[in-house]
């Protein structure tokens, strides 16, 4: 897996935009993450962030995720999250990011 974050937009079988994250979410993640967000169709009310290939998230990465969630809220979009490890699920709970996203058990729950 790459150290630097790659963020690729795809659509699931139901047409929901999914941003697949691979690598590290740190201070360098803002560019790739927001570039993928810009590609999400304007009419999409829901976006899924897939953390299944994410190796590492540090405090700077969490701050970038908070910025993205604030943008999603301003745009009236729901953010759903899949692929978090137990460790990062706990961090999302401790930092209360779970108040702003819907955690899904796995990618099959997206549709």
PDB file of N, CA and C in Angstrom:
ATOM      1  N   UNK A   1       0.830  -1.183   0.000  1.00  0.00           N
ATOM      2  CA  UNK A   1       0.000   0.000   0.000  1.00  0.00           C
ATOM      3  C   UNK A   1       0.881   1.255   0.000  1.00  0.00           C
ATOM      4  N   UNK A   2       0.407   2.294  -0.657  1.00  0.00           N
ATOM      5  CA  UNK A   2       1.205   3.521  -0.681  1.00  0.00           C
ATOM      6  C   UNK A   2       1.136   4.259   0.646  1.00  0.00           C
ATOM      7  N   UNK A   3       2.218   5.011   0.960  1.00  0.00           N
ATOM      8  CA  UNK A   3       2.177   5.872   2.138  1.00  0.00           C
ATOM      9  C   UNK A   3       1.262   7.055   1.881  1.00  0.00           C
ATOM     10  N   UNK A   4       1.421   7.678   0.742  1.00  0.00           N
ATOM     11  CA  UNK A   4       0.597   8.832   0.393  1.00  0.00           C
ATOM     12  C   UNK A   4      -0.807   8.362   0.079  1.00  0.00           C
ATOM     13  N   UNK A   5      -1.747   9.201   0.384  1.00  0.00           N
ATOM     14  CA  UNK A   5      -3.141   8.850   0.168  1.00  0.00           C
ATOM     15  C   UNK A   5      -3.514   8.932  -1.303  1.00  0.00           C
ATOM     16  N   UNK A   6      -4.232   7.921  -1.750  1.00  0.00           N
ATOM     17  CA  UNK A   6      -4.934   8.015  -3.019  1.00  0.00           C
ATOM     18  C   UNK A   6      -6.419   7.933  -2.682  1.00  0.00           C
ATOM     19  N   UNK A   7      -7.206   8.718  -3.382  1.00  0.00           N
ATOM     20  CA  UNK A   7      -8.649   8.762  -3.156  1.00  0.00           C
ATOM     21  C   UNK A   7      -9.315   8.679  -4.523  1.00  0.00           C
ATOM     22  N   UNK A   8      -9.959   7.547  -4.783  1.00  0.00           N
ATOM     23  CA  UNK A   8     -10.567   7.313  -6.084  1.00  0.00           C
ATOM     24  C   UNK A   8     -12.075   7.235  -5.949  1.00  0.00           C
ATOM     25  N   UNK A   9     -12.756   7.920  -6.835  1.00  0.00           N
ATOM     26  CA  UNK A   9     -14.213   7.921  -6.824  1.00  0.00           C
ATOM     27  C   UNK A   9     -14.724   6.821  -7.736  1.00  0.00           C
ATOM     28  N   UNK A  10     -15.679   6.072  -7.232  1.00  0.00           N
ATOM     29  CA  UNK A  10     -16.394   5.083  -8.027  1.00  0.00           C
ATOM     30  C   UNK A  10     -17.846   5.121  -7.573  1.00  0.00           C
ATOM     31  N   UNK A  11     -18.702   4.418  -8.265  1.00  0.00           N
ATOM     32  CA  UNK A  11     -20.098   4.310  -7.844  1.00  0.00           C
ATOM     33  C   UNK A  11     -20.376   2.851  -7.500  1.00  0.00           C
ATOM     34  N   UNK A  12     -21.146   2.624  -6.435  1.00  0.00           N
ATOM     35  CA  UNK A  12     -21.527   1.252  -6.121  1.00  0.00           C
ATOM     36  C   UNK A  12     -22.615   0.818  -7.091  1.00  0.00           C
ATOM     37  N   UNK A  13     -23.086  -0.400  -6.944  1.00  0.00           N
ATOM     38  CA  UNK A  13     -24.076  -0.928  -7.889  1.00  0.00           C
ATOM     39  C   UNK A  13     -25.375  -0.141  -7.876  1.00  0.00           C
ATOM     40  N   UNK A  14     -25.674   0.559  -6.782  1.00  0.00           N
ATOM     41  CA  UNK A  14     -26.880   1.377  -6.715  1.00  0.00           C
ATOM     42  C   UNK A  14     -26.657   2.809  -7.157  1.00  0.00           C
ATOM     43  N   UNK A  15     -25.440   3.134  -7.563  1.00  0.00           N
ATOM     44  CA  UNK A  15     -25.142   4.479  -8.033  1.00  0.00           C
ATOM     45  C   UNK A  15     -24.632   5.431  -6.971  1.00  0.00           C
ATOM     46  N   UNK A  16     -24.514   4.972  -5.731  1.00  0.00           N
ATOM     47  CA  UNK A  16     -23.998   5.836  -4.657  1.00  0.00           C
ATOM     48  C   UNK A  16     -22.508   6.083  -4.870  1.00  0.00           C
ATOM     49  N   UNK A  17     -22.068   7.338  -4.821  1.00  0.00           N
ATOM     50  CA  UNK A  17     -20.638   7.622  -4.950  1.00  0.00           C
ATOM     51  C   UNK A  17     -19.863   7.056  -3.753  1.00  0.00           C
ATOM     52  N   UNK A  18     -18.762   6.385  -4.063  1.00  0.00           N
ATOM     53  CA  UNK A  18     -17.882   5.812  -3.042  1.00  0.00           C
ATOM     54  C   UNK A  18     -16.484   6.353  -3.295  1.00  0.00           C
ATOM     55  N   UNK A  19     -15.902   6.960  -2.266  1.00  0.00           N
ATOM     56  CA  UNK A  19     -14.512   7.401  -2.360  1.00  0.00           C
ATOM     57  C   UNK A  19     -13.666   6.366  -1.643  1.00  0.00           C
ATOM     58  N   UNK A  20     -12.873   5.646  -2.431  1.00  0.00           N
ATOM     59  CA  UNK A  20     -11.988   4.615  -1.887  1.00  0.00           C
ATOM     60  C   UNK A  20     -10.674   5.255  -1.484  1.00  0.00           C
ATOM     61  N   UNK A  21     -10.321   5.101  -0.212  1.00  0.00           N
ATOM     62  CA  UNK A  21      -9.113   5.699   0.346  1.00  0.00           C
ATOM     63  C   UNK A  21      -8.060   4.618   0.522  1.00  0.00           C
ATOM     64  N   UNK A  22      -6.839   4.907   0.081  1.00  0.00           N
ATOM     65  CA  UNK A  22      -5.748   3.952   0.240  1.00  0.00           C
ATOM     66  C   UNK A  22      -4.492   4.705   0.644  1.00  0.00           C
ATOM     67  N   UNK A  23      -3.855   4.233   1.705  1.00  0.00           N
ATOM     68  CA  UNK A  23      -2.628   4.853   2.188  1.00  0.00           C
ATOM     69  C   UNK A  23      -2.833   5.510   3.533  1.00  0.00           C
ATOM     70  N   UNK A  24      -2.139   6.613   3.743  1.00  0.00           N
ATOM     71  CA  UNK A  24      -2.156   7.305   5.020  1.00  0.00           C
ATOM     72  C   UNK A  24      -2.970   8.598   4.938  1.00  0.00           C
ATOM     73  N   UNK A  25      -3.788   8.818   5.945  1.00  0.00           N
ATOM     74  CA  UNK A  25      -4.537  10.069   6.026  1.00  0.00           C
ATOM     75  C   UNK A  25      -3.807  10.935   7.051  1.00  0.00           C
ATOM     76  N   UNK A  26      -3.019  11.858   6.507  1.00  0.00           N
ATOM     77  CA  UNK A  26      -2.215  12.755   7.333  1.00  0.00           C
ATOM     78  C   UNK A  26      -2.296  14.150   6.709  1.00  0.00           C
ATOM     79  N   UNK A  27      -1.370  15.027   7.045  1.00  0.00           N
ATOM     80  CA  UNK A  27      -1.433  16.408   6.567  1.00  0.00           C
ATOM     81  C   UNK A  27      -1.385  16.523   5.051  1.00  0.00           C
ATOM     82  N   UNK A  28      -0.894  15.495   4.369  1.00  0.00           N
ATOM     83  CA  UNK A  28      -0.802  15.518   2.913  1.00  0.00           C
ATOM     84  C   UNK A  28      -2.049  14.978   2.224  1.00  0.00           C
ATOM     85  N   UNK A  29      -3.040  14.579   2.996  1.00  0.00           N
ATOM     86  CA  UNK A  29      -4.230  13.937   2.432  1.00  0.00           C
ATOM     87  C   UNK A  29      -5.267  14.923   1.903  1.00  0.00           C
ATOM     88  N   UNK A  30      -5.160  16.173   2.277  1.00  0.00           N
ATOM     89  CA  UNK A  30      -6.194  17.142   1.916  1.00  0.00           C
ATOM     90  C   UNK A  30      -6.398  17.221   0.401  1.00  0.00           C
ATOM     91  N   UNK A  31      -5.333  17.343  -0.345  1.00  0.00           N
ATOM     92  CA  UNK A  31      -5.441  17.465  -1.802  1.00  0.00           C
ATOM     93  C   UNK A  31      -6.168  16.291  -2.445  1.00  0.00           C
ATOM     94  N   UNK A  32      -5.681  15.066  -2.251  1.00  0.00           N
ATOM     95  CA  UNK A  32      -6.357  13.924  -2.872  1.00  0.00           C
ATOM     96  C   UNK A  32      -7.799  13.733  -2.397  1.00  0.00           C
ATOM     97  N   UNK A  33      -8.047  13.945  -1.117  1.00  0.00           N
ATOM     98  CA  UNK A  33      -9.389  13.727  -0.576  1.00  0.00           C
ATOM     99  C   UNK A  33     -10.384  14.741  -1.136  1.00  0.00           C
ATOM    100  N   UNK A  34     -10.014  16.011  -1.144  1.00  0.00           N
ATOM    101  CA  UNK A  34     -10.924  17.031  -1.647  1.00  0.00           C
ATOM    102  C   UNK A  34     -11.043  16.978  -3.173  1.00  0.00           C
ATOM    103  N   UNK A  35     -10.004  16.542  -3.863  1.00  0.00           N
ATOM    104  CA  UNK A  35     -10.095  16.372  -5.322  1.00  0.00           C
ATOM    105  C   UNK A  35     -11.126  15.297  -5.654  1.00  0.00           C
ATOM    106  N   UNK A  36     -11.130  14.205  -4.903  1.00  0.00           N
ATOM    107  CA  UNK A  36     -12.132  13.156  -5.123  1.00  0.00           C
ATOM    108  C   UNK A  36     -13.524  13.678  -4.784  1.00  0.00           C
ATOM    109  N   UNK A  37     -13.629  14.445  -3.698  1.00  0.00           N
ATOM    110  CA  UNK A  37     -14.928  15.005  -3.303  1.00  0.00           C
ATOM    111  C   UNK A  37     -15.488  15.902  -4.418  1.00  0.00           C
ATOM    112  N   UNK A  38     -14.627  16.662  -5.057  1.00  0.00           N
ATOM    113  CA  UNK A  38     -15.055  17.563  -6.136  1.00  0.00           C
ATOM    114  C   UNK A  38     -15.681  16.797  -7.303  1.00  0.00           C
ATOM    115  N   UNK A  39     -15.330  15.544  -7.458  1.00  0.00           N
ATOM    116  CA  UNK A  39     -15.844  14.732  -8.556  1.00  0.00           C
ATOM    117  C   UNK A  39     -17.217  14.121  -8.258  1.00  0.00           C
ATOM    118  N   UNK A  40     -17.665  14.191  -7.018  1.00  0.00           N
ATOM    119  CA  UNK A  40     -18.963  13.632  -6.649  1.00  0.00           C
ATOM    120  C   UNK A  40     -20.054  14.440  -7.352  1.00  0.00           C
ATOM    121  N   UNK A  41     -20.969  13.752  -8.032  1.00  0.00           N
ATOM    122  CA  UNK A  41     -22.048  14.484  -8.713  1.00  0.00           C
ATOM    123  C   UNK A  41     -22.835  15.364  -7.741  1.00  0.00           C
ATOM    124  N   UNK A  42     -23.181  16.558  -8.185  1.00  0.00           N
ATOM    125  CA  UNK A  42     -23.863  17.530  -7.334  1.00  0.00           C
ATOM    126  C   UNK A  42     -25.187  17.005  -6.788  1.00  0.00           C
ATOM    127  N   UNK A  43     -25.840  16.130  -7.520  1.00  0.00           N
ATOM    128  CA  UNK A  43     -27.147  15.616  -7.104  1.00  0.00           C
ATOM    129  C   UNK A  43     -27.051  14.499  -6.055  1.00  0.00           C
ATOM    130  N   UNK A  44     -25.852  14.068  -5.727  1.00  0.00           N
ATOM    131  CA  UNK A  44     -25.688  12.963  -4.781  1.00  0.00           C
ATOM    132  C   UNK A  44     -25.925  13.423  -3.353  1.00  0.00           C
ATOM    133  N   UNK A  45     -26.953  12.854  -2.723  1.00  0.00           N
ATOM    134  CA  UNK A  45     -27.288  13.222  -1.347  1.00  0.00           C
ATOM    135  C   UNK A  45     -26.490  12.421  -0.331  1.00  0.00           C
ATOM    136  N   UNK A  46     -25.837  11.357  -0.800  1.00  0.00           N
ATOM    137  CA  UNK A  46     -25.085  10.482   0.100  1.00  0.00           C
ATOM    138  C   UNK A  46     -23.762  10.128  -0.554  1.00  0.00           C
ATOM    139  N   UNK A  47     -22.705  10.124   0.241  1.00  0.00           N
ATOM    140  CA  UNK A  47     -21.377   9.745  -0.218  1.00  0.00           C
ATOM    141  C   UNK A  47     -20.809   8.742   0.786  1.00  0.00           C
ATOM    142  N   UNK A  48     -20.153   7.719   0.279  1.00  0.00           N
ATOM    143  CA  UNK A  48     -19.530   6.722   1.138  1.00  0.00           C
ATOM    144  C   UNK A  48     -18.015   6.912   1.097  1.00  0.00           C
ATOM    145  N   UNK A  49     -17.398   6.934   2.272  1.00  0.00           N
ATOM    146  CA  UNK A  49     -15.940   6.920   2.389  1.00  0.00           C
ATOM    147  C   UNK A  49     -15.539   5.503   2.769  1.00  0.00           C
ATOM    148  N   UNK A  50     -14.716   4.883   1.940  1.00  0.00           N
ATOM    149  CA  UNK A  50     -14.275   3.512   2.177  1.00  0.00           C
ATOM    150  C   UNK A  50     -12.838   3.533   2.693  1.00  0.00           C
ATOM    151  N   UNK A  51     -12.692   3.229   3.974  1.00  0.00           N
ATOM    152  CA  UNK A  51     -11.391   3.236   4.637  1.00  0.00           C
ATOM    153  C   UNK A  51     -10.720   1.860   4.628  1.00  0.00           C
ATOM    154  N   UNK A  52     -11.223   0.935   3.839  1.00  0.00           N
ATOM    155  CA  UNK A  52     -10.735  -0.444   3.847  1.00  0.00           C
ATOM    156  C   UNK A  52      -9.262  -0.612   3.555  1.00  0.00           C
ATOM    157  N   UNK A  53      -8.658   0.333   2.846  1.00  0.00           N
ATOM    158  CA  UNK A  53      -7.233   0.242   2.512  1.00  0.00           C
ATOM    159  C   UNK A  53      -6.421   1.356   3.164  1.00  0.00           C
ATOM    160  N   UNK A  54      -6.994   1.939   4.194  1.00  0.00           N
ATOM    161  CA  UNK A  54      -6.292   3.004   4.912  1.00  0.00           C
ATOM    162  C   UNK A  54      -5.380   2.375   5.956  1.00  0.00           C
ATOM    163  N   UNK A  55      -4.118   2.775   5.915  1.00  0.00           N
ATOM    164  CA  UNK A  55      -3.129   2.222   6.833  1.00  0.00           C
ATOM    165  C   UNK A  55      -3.047   2.985   8.152  1.00  0.00           C
ATOM    166  N   UNK A  56      -3.247   4.296   8.068  1.00  0.00           N
ATOM    167  CA  UNK A  56      -2.897   5.147   9.201  1.00  0.00           C
ATOM    168  C   UNK A  56      -3.672   6.445   9.103  1.00  0.00           C
ATOM    169  N   UNK A  57      -4.169   6.915  10.233  1.00  0.00           N
ATOM    170  CA  UNK A  57      -4.816   8.220  10.312  1.00  0.00           C
ATOM    171  C   UNK A  57      -4.240   8.930  11.531  1.00  0.00           C
ATOM    172  N   UNK A  58      -3.642  10.105  11.323  1.00  0.00           N
ATOM    173  CA  UNK A  58      -3.120  10.837  12.476  1.00  0.00           C
ATOM    174  C   UNK A  58      -4.018  12.041  12.770  1.00  0.00           C
ATOM    175  N   UNK A  59      -3.624  12.858  13.734  1.00  0.00           N
ATOM    176  CA  UNK A  59      -4.465  13.978  14.156  1.00  0.00           C
ATOM    177  C   UNK A  59      -4.664  14.996  13.034  1.00  0.00           C
ATOM    178  N   UNK A  60      -3.661  15.207  12.214  1.00  0.00           N
ATOM    179  CA  UNK A  60      -3.824  16.117  11.074  1.00  0.00           C
ATOM    180  C   UNK A  60      -4.831  15.546  10.081  1.00  0.00           C
ATOM    181  N   UNK A  61      -4.787  14.240   9.890  1.00  0.00           N
ATOM    182  CA  UNK A  61      -5.752  13.579   9.021  1.00  0.00           C
ATOM    183  C   UNK A  61      -7.162  13.682   9.563  1.00  0.00           C
ATOM    184  N   UNK A  62      -7.302  13.542  10.875  1.00  0.00           N
ATOM    185  CA  UNK A  62      -8.623  13.697  11.490  1.00  0.00           C
ATOM    186  C   UNK A  62      -9.153  15.115  11.282  1.00  0.00           C
ATOM    187  N   UNK A  63      -8.272  16.097  11.384  1.00  0.00           N
ATOM    188  CA  UNK A  63      -8.694  17.486  11.172  1.00  0.00           C
ATOM    189  C   UNK A  63      -9.178  17.691   9.737  1.00  0.00           C
ATOM    190  N   UNK A  64      -8.521  17.057   8.780  1.00  0.00           N
ATOM    191  CA  UNK A  64      -8.949  17.145   7.386  1.00  0.00           C
ATOM    192  C   UNK A  64     -10.304  16.468   7.208  1.00  0.00           C
ATOM    193  N   UNK A  65     -10.506  15.344   7.878  1.00  0.00           N
ATOM    194  CA  UNK A  65     -11.805  14.665   7.809  1.00  0.00           C
ATOM    195  C   UNK A  65     -12.907  15.535   8.405  1.00  0.00           C
ATOM    196  N   UNK A  66     -12.588  16.248   9.478  1.00  0.00           N
ATOM    197  CA  UNK A  66     -13.575  17.171  10.067  1.00  0.00           C
ATOM    198  C   UNK A  66     -13.943  18.251   9.055  1.00  0.00           C
ATOM    199  N   UNK A  67     -12.959  18.792   8.338  1.00  0.00           N
ATOM    200  CA  UNK A  67     -13.227  19.792   7.300  1.00  0.00           C
ATOM    201  C   UNK A  67     -14.144  19.217   6.224  1.00  0.00           C
ATOM    202  N   UNK A  68     -13.865  17.985   5.816  1.00  0.00           N
ATOM    203  CA  UNK A  68     -14.680  17.352   4.788  1.00  0.00           C
ATOM    204  C   UNK A  68     -16.106  17.137   5.277  1.00  0.00           C
ATOM    205  N   UNK A  69     -16.263  16.717   6.527  1.00  0.00           N
ATOM    206  CA  UNK A  69     -17.603  16.502   7.078  1.00  0.00           C
ATOM    207  C   UNK A  69     -18.364  17.821   7.211  1.00  0.00           C
ATOM    208  N   UNK A  70     -17.656  18.900   7.528  1.00  0.00           N
ATOM    209  CA  UNK A  70     -18.306  20.213   7.588  1.00  0.00           C
ATOM    210  C   UNK A  70     -18.782  20.618   6.196  1.00  0.00           C
ATOM    211  N   UNK A  71     -17.982  20.346   5.214  1.00  0.00           N
ATOM    212  CA  UNK A  71     -18.385  20.654   3.837  1.00  0.00           C
ATOM    213  C   UNK A  71     -19.593  19.815   3.432  1.00  0.00           C
ATOM    214  N   UNK A  72     -19.568  18.536   3.763  1.00  0.00           N
ATOM    215  CA  UNK A  72     -20.698  17.660   3.439  1.00  0.00           C
ATOM    216  C   UNK A  72     -21.979  18.176   4.079  1.00  0.00           C
ATOM    217  N   UNK A  73     -21.868  18.579   5.320  1.00  0.00           N
ATOM    218  CA  UNK A  73     -23.041  19.096   6.030  1.00  0.00           C
ATOM    219  C   UNK A  73     -23.564  20.367   5.357  1.00  0.00           C
ATOM    220  N   UNK A  74     -22.660  21.257   4.974  1.00  0.00           N
ATOM    221  CA  UNK A  74     -23.063  22.499   4.303  1.00  0.00           C
ATOM    222  C   UNK A  74     -23.724  22.207   2.961  1.00  0.00           C
ATOM    223  N   UNK A  75     -23.313  21.124   2.319  1.00  0.00           N
ATOM    224  CA  UNK A  75     -23.879  20.736   1.024  1.00  0.00           C
ATOM    225  C   UNK A  75     -25.134  19.880   1.187  1.00  0.00           C
ATOM    226  N   UNK A  76     -25.485  19.541   2.425  1.00  0.00           N
ATOM    227  CA  UNK A  76     -26.665  18.723   2.669  1.00  0.00           C
ATOM    228  C   UNK A  76     -26.485  17.265   2.307  1.00  0.00           C
ATOM    229  N   UNK A  77     -25.262  16.776   2.403  1.00  0.00           N
ATOM    230  CA  UNK A  77     -24.963  15.381   2.051  1.00  0.00           C
ATOM    231  C   UNK A  77     -24.723  14.545   3.296  1.00  0.00           C
ATOM    232  N   UNK A  78     -25.217  13.322   3.262  1.00  0.00           N
ATOM    233  CA  UNK A  78     -24.917  12.344   4.306  1.00  0.00           C
ATOM    234  C   UNK A  78     -23.597  11.670   3.948  1.00  0.00           C
ATOM    235  N   UNK A  79     -22.793  11.385   4.965  1.00  0.00           N
ATOM    236  CA  UNK A  79     -21.547  10.652   4.759  1.00  0.00           C
ATOM    237  C   UNK A  79     -21.657   9.329   5.499  1.00  0.00           C
ATOM    238  N   UNK A  80     -21.432   8.256   4.757  1.00  0.00           N
ATOM    239  CA  UNK A  80     -21.420   6.916   5.323  1.00  0.00           C
ATOM    240  C   UNK A  80     -19.985   6.409   5.251  1.00  0.00           C
ATOM    241  N   UNK A  81     -19.599   5.616   6.238  1.00  0.00           N
ATOM    242  CA  UNK A  81     -18.221   5.147   6.351  1.00  0.00           C
ATOM    243  C   UNK A  81     -18.207   3.631   6.430  1.00  0.00           C
ATOM    244  N   UNK A  82     -17.333   3.020   5.637  1.00  0.00           N
ATOM    245  CA  UNK A  82     -17.102   1.575   5.704  1.00  0.00           C
ATOM    246  C   UNK A  82     -15.607   1.329   5.818  1.00  0.00           C
ATOM    247  N   UNK A  83     -15.254   0.147   6.279  1.00  0.00           N
ATOM    248  CA  UNK A  83     -13.870  -0.303   6.253  1.00  0.00           C
ATOM    249  C   UNK A  83     -12.981   0.170   7.377  1.00  0.00           C
ATOM    250  N   UNK A  84     -13.532   0.777   8.408  1.00  0.00           N
ATOM    251  CA  UNK A  84     -12.684   1.188   9.535  1.00  0.00           C
ATOM    252  C   UNK A  84     -12.250  -0.039  10.335  1.00  0.00           C
ATOM    253  N   UNK A  85     -11.013  -0.042  10.753  1.00  0.00           N
ATOM    254  CA  UNK A  85     -10.574  -1.081  11.683  1.00  0.00           C
ATOM    255  C   UNK A  85     -11.218  -0.796  13.038  1.00  0.00           C
ATOM    256  N   UNK A  86     -11.171  -1.752  13.933  1.00  0.00           N
ATOM    257  CA  UNK A  86     -11.721  -1.536  15.278  1.00  0.00           C
ATOM    258  C   UNK A  86     -11.036  -0.346  15.955  1.00  0.00           C
ATOM    259  N   UNK A  87      -9.735  -0.230  15.744  1.00  0.00           N
ATOM    260  CA  UNK A  87      -8.971   0.871  16.346  1.00  0.00           C
ATOM    261  C   UNK A  87      -9.504   2.224  15.872  1.00  0.00           C
ATOM    262  N   UNK A  88      -9.659   2.381  14.556  1.00  0.00           N
ATOM    263  CA  UNK A  88     -10.118   3.664  14.036  1.00  0.00           C
ATOM    264  C   UNK A  88     -11.604   3.884  14.285  1.00  0.00           C
ATOM    265  N   UNK A  89     -12.369   2.826  14.378  1.00  0.00           N
ATOM    266  CA  UNK A  89     -13.775   2.969  14.778  1.00  0.00           C
ATOM    267  C   UNK A  89     -13.835   3.567  16.185  1.00  0.00           C
ATOM    268  N   UNK A  90     -12.967   3.093  17.067  1.00  0.00           N
ATOM    269  CA  UNK A  90     -12.915   3.626  18.423  1.00  0.00           C
ATOM    270  C   UNK A  90     -12.502   5.100  18.415  1.00  0.00           C
ATOM    271  N   UNK A  91     -11.542   5.451  17.579  1.00  0.00           N
ATOM    272  CA  UNK A  91     -11.121   6.854  17.484  1.00  0.00           C
ATOM    273  C   UNK A  91     -12.263   7.718  16.967  1.00  0.00           C
ATOM    274  N   UNK A  92     -13.015   7.231  15.978  1.00  0.00           N
ATOM    275  CA  UNK A  92     -14.174   7.976  15.496  1.00  0.00           C
ATOM    276  C   UNK A  92     -15.192   8.166  16.624  1.00  0.00           C
ATOM    277  N   UNK A  93     -15.322   7.183  17.497  1.00  0.00           N
ATOM    278  CA  UNK A  93     -16.250   7.298  18.625  1.00  0.00           C
ATOM    279  C   UNK A  93     -15.728   8.276  19.675  1.00  0.00           C
ATOM    280  N   UNK A  94     -14.449   8.169  20.025  1.00  0.00           N
ATOM    281  CA  UNK A  94     -13.854   9.041  21.037  1.00  0.00           C
ATOM    282  C   UNK A  94     -13.896  10.502  20.596  1.00  0.00           C
ATOM    283  N   UNK A  95     -13.619  10.748  19.322  1.00  0.00           N
ATOM    284  CA  UNK A  95     -13.585  12.119  18.805  1.00  0.00           C
ATOM    285  C   UNK A  95     -14.965  12.618  18.384  1.00  0.00           C
ATOM    286  N   UNK A  96     -15.955  11.770  18.509  1.00  0.00           N
ATOM    287  CA  UNK A  96     -17.358  12.063  18.184  1.00  0.00           C
ATOM    288  C   UNK A  96     -17.599  12.310  16.700  1.00  0.00           C
ATOM    289  N   UNK A  97     -16.697  11.835  15.860  1.00  0.00           N
ATOM    290  CA  UNK A  97     -16.957  11.892  14.427  1.00  0.00           C
ATOM    291  C   UNK A  97     -18.170  11.044  14.072  1.00  0.00           C
ATOM    292  N   UNK A  98     -18.465  10.054  14.909  1.00  0.00           N
ATOM    293  CA  UNK A  98     -19.640   9.208  14.657  1.00  0.00           C
ATOM    294  C   UNK A  98     -20.939  10.000  14.730  1.00  0.00           C
ATOM    295  N   UNK A  99     -20.902  11.181  15.320  1.00  0.00           N
ATOM    296  CA  UNK A  99     -22.100  12.028  15.362  1.00  0.00           C
ATOM    297  C   UNK A  99     -22.404  12.639  13.993  1.00  0.00           C
ATOM    298  N   UNK A 100     -21.445  12.579  13.080  1.00  0.00           N
ATOM    299  CA  UNK A 100     -21.578  13.249  11.786  1.00  0.00           C
ATOM    300  C   UNK A 100     -21.516  12.294  10.602  1.00  0.00           C
ATOM    301  N   UNK A 101     -21.360  11.005  10.875  1.00  0.00           N
ATOM    302  CA  UNK A 101     -21.326   9.988   9.819  1.00  0.00           C
ATOM    303  C   UNK A 101     -22.185   8.811  10.243  1.00  0.00           C
ATOM    304  N   UNK A 102     -22.488   7.972   9.282  1.00  0.00           N
ATOM    305  CA  UNK A 102     -23.141   6.702   9.572  1.00  0.00           C
ATOM    306  C   UNK A 102     -22.113   5.612   9.335  1.00  0.00           C
ATOM    307  N   UNK A 103     -21.793   4.847  10.373  1.00  0.00           N
ATOM    308  CA  UNK A 103     -20.848   3.747  10.228  1.00  0.00           C
ATOM    309  C   UNK A 103     -21.602   2.529   9.716  1.00  0.00           C
ATOM    310  N   UNK A 104     -21.103   1.951   8.649  1.00  0.00           N
ATOM    311  CA  UNK A 104     -21.685   0.743   8.081  1.00  0.00           C
ATOM    312  C   UNK A 104     -20.745  -0.424   8.344  1.00  0.00           C
ATOM    313  N   UNK A 105     -21.300  -1.624   8.542  1.00  0.00           N
ATOM    314  CA  UNK A 105     -20.451  -2.770   8.879  1.00  0.00           C
ATOM    315  C   UNK A 105     -19.492  -3.163   7.766  1.00  0.00           C
ATOM    316  N   UNK A 106     -19.916  -3.053   6.501  1.00  0.00           N
ATOM    317  CA  UNK A 106     -19.055  -3.390   5.381  1.00  0.00           C
ATOM    318  C   UNK A 106     -19.663  -2.844   4.091  1.00  0.00           C
ATOM    319  N   UNK A 107     -18.950  -3.024   3.005  1.00  0.00           N
ATOM    320  CA  UNK A 107     -19.381  -2.451   1.728  1.00  0.00           C
ATOM    321  C   UNK A 107     -20.719  -3.007   1.261  1.00  0.00           C
ATOM    322  N   UNK A 108     -21.091  -4.204   1.664  1.00  0.00           N
ATOM    323  CA  UNK A 108     -22.365  -4.776   1.236  1.00  0.00           C
ATOM    324  C   UNK A 108     -23.532  -3.965   1.790  1.00  0.00           C
ATOM    325  N   UNK A 109     -23.318  -3.218   2.861  1.00  0.00           N
ATOM    326  CA  UNK A 109     -24.385  -2.440   3.492  1.00  0.00           C
ATOM    327  C   UNK A 109     -24.627  -1.093   2.808  1.00  0.00           C
ATOM    328  N   UNK A 110     -23.826  -0.773   1.801  1.00  0.00           N
ATOM    329  CA  UNK A 110     -23.926   0.526   1.139  1.00  0.00           C
ATOM    330  C   UNK A 110     -25.258   0.683   0.421  1.00  0.00           C
ATOM    331  N   UNK A 111     -25.655  -0.288  -0.345  1.00  0.00           N
ATOM    332  CA  UNK A 111     -26.839  -0.149  -1.229  1.00  0.00           C
ATOM    333  C   UNK A 111     -28.121   0.128  -0.510  1.00  0.00           C
TER     334      UNK A 111
END
